[in-house]
Amino acid sequence: MVSGSTAGSVDRSVRHASISSVIPWSVDRLIALGAQRVEGDYPEDADFVVLADPAGRLCCVIA
């Protein structure tokens, strides 16, 4: 499932993708295709990763 929204004052569209049980492989694949991991204060038990595509659009990959 992918859904879009606008995050507060940030003028970027945020995408959320639910990819259960394959998140490590999916994140590695997206990074290999040009995405970059967005650094932040993630909870220790986070089940998601925020990535940015080469154009700077954010993508939240959720397990």
C-alpha atoms as a PDB file:
ATOM      1  CA  MET A   1       0.000   0.000   0.000  1.00  0.00           C
ATOM      2  CA  VAL A   2       1.295   3.455  -0.871  1.00  0.00           C
ATOM      3  CA  SER A   3      -0.331   6.681   0.256  1.00  0.00           C
ATOM      4  CA  GLY A   4       0.634  10.321  -0.101  1.00  0.00           C
ATOM      5  CA  SER A   5       0.360  13.309   2.209  1.00  0.00           C
ATOM      6  CA  THR A   6       1.901  16.712   2.745  1.00  0.00           C
ATOM      7  CA  ALA A   7       3.968  17.043   5.921  1.00  0.00           C
ATOM      8  CA  GLY A   8       3.372  20.326   7.835  1.00  0.00           C
ATOM      9  CA  SER A   9       5.488  23.199   6.555  1.00  0.00           C
ATOM     10  CA  VAL A  10       7.703  20.915   4.477  1.00  0.00           C
ATOM     11  CA  ASP A  11       6.780  21.354   0.850  1.00  0.00           C
ATOM     12  CA  ARG A  12       7.408  17.745  -0.131  1.00  0.00           C
ATOM     13  CA  SER A  13       5.080  14.856  -0.714  1.00  0.00           C
ATOM     14  CA  VAL A  14       5.637  11.946   1.673  1.00  0.00           C
ATOM     15  CA  ARG A  15       4.992   8.385   0.528  1.00  0.00           C
ATOM     16  CA  HIS A  16       4.319   5.471   2.844  1.00  0.00           C
ATOM     17  CA  ALA A  17       4.933   1.934   1.623  1.00  0.00           C
ATOM     18  CA  SER A  18       4.028  -1.131   3.653  1.00  0.00           C
ATOM     19  CA  ILE A  19       6.401  -3.956   2.744  1.00  0.00           C
ATOM     20  CA  SER A  20       5.996  -6.538   5.470  1.00  0.00           C
ATOM     21  CA  SER A  21       8.793  -9.044   6.142  1.00  0.00           C
ATOM     22  CA  VAL A  22      11.046  -7.794   3.339  1.00  0.00           C
ATOM     23  CA  ILE A  23      12.038  -4.388   4.720  1.00  0.00           C
ATOM     24  CA  PRO A  24      15.829  -5.001   4.939  1.00  0.00           C
ATOM     25  CA  TRP A  25      15.983  -6.265   1.358  1.00  0.00           C
ATOM     26  CA  SER A  26      13.653  -3.509   0.125  1.00  0.00           C
ATOM     27  CA  VAL A  27      15.637  -0.720   1.790  1.00  0.00           C
ATOM     28  CA  ASP A  28      18.933  -2.075   0.422  1.00  0.00           C
ATOM     29  CA  ARG A  29      17.397  -2.293  -3.048  1.00  0.00           C
ATOM     30  CA  LEU A  30      15.995   1.246  -2.898  1.00  0.00           C
ATOM     31  CA  ILE A  31      19.394   2.586  -1.768  1.00  0.00           C
ATOM     32  CA  ALA A  32      21.066   0.721  -4.644  1.00  0.00           C
ATOM     33  CA  LEU A  33      18.613   2.458  -6.990  1.00  0.00           C
ATOM     34  CA  GLY A  34      19.594   5.917  -5.711  1.00  0.00           C
ATOM     35  CA  ALA A  35      17.611   6.536  -2.529  1.00  0.00           C
ATOM     36  CA  GLN A  36      19.368   7.905   0.551  1.00  0.00           C
ATOM     37  CA  ARG A  37      18.560   7.073   4.155  1.00  0.00           C
ATOM     38  CA  VAL A  38      17.213  10.120   6.030  1.00  0.00           C
ATOM     39  CA  GLU A  39      18.951  10.480   9.373  1.00  0.00           C
ATOM     40  CA  GLY A  40      16.763  11.165  12.368  1.00  0.00           C
ATOM     41  CA  ASP A  41      15.845  10.150  15.887  1.00  0.00           C
ATOM     42  CA  TYR A  42      14.183   6.813  15.221  1.00  0.00           C
ATOM     43  CA  PRO A  43      12.744   4.846  18.141  1.00  0.00           C
ATOM     44  CA  GLU A  44      14.950   1.905  19.120  1.00  0.00           C
ATOM     45  CA  ASP A  45      12.250  -0.552  18.007  1.00  0.00           C
ATOM     46  CA  ALA A  46      11.292   1.366  14.840  1.00  0.00           C
ATOM     47  CA  ASP A  47       9.553  -0.711  12.186  1.00  0.00           C
ATOM     48  CA  PHE A  48      10.124   1.911   9.491  1.00  0.00           C
ATOM     49  CA  VAL A  49      12.882   3.691   7.604  1.00  0.00           C
ATOM     50  CA  VAL A  50      12.633   7.113   5.938  1.00  0.00           C
ATOM     51  CA  LEU A  51      14.374   7.402   2.586  1.00  0.00           C
ATOM     52  CA  ALA A  52      14.722  10.246   0.084  1.00  0.00           C
ATOM     53  CA  ASP A  53      14.729   9.665  -3.645  1.00  0.00           C
ATOM     54  CA  PRO A  54      17.295  11.432  -5.858  1.00  0.00           C
ATOM     55  CA  ALA A  55      14.882  14.383  -6.252  1.00  0.00           C
ATOM     56  CA  GLY A  56      14.563  14.742  -2.463  1.00  0.00           C
ATOM     57  CA  ARG A  57      11.045  13.289  -2.114  1.00  0.00           C
ATOM     58  CA  LEU A  58      10.605  11.376   1.132  1.00  0.00           C
ATOM     59  CA  CYS A  59       9.498   7.756   1.334  1.00  0.00           C
ATOM     60  CA  CYS A  60       8.656   5.976   4.574  1.00  0.00           C
ATOM     61  CA  VAL A  61       9.171   2.206   4.240  1.00  0.00           C
ATOM     62  CA  ILE A  62       7.112   0.441   6.908  1.00  0.00           C
ATOM     63  CA  ALA A  63       7.430  -3.215   7.910  1.00  0.00           C
END
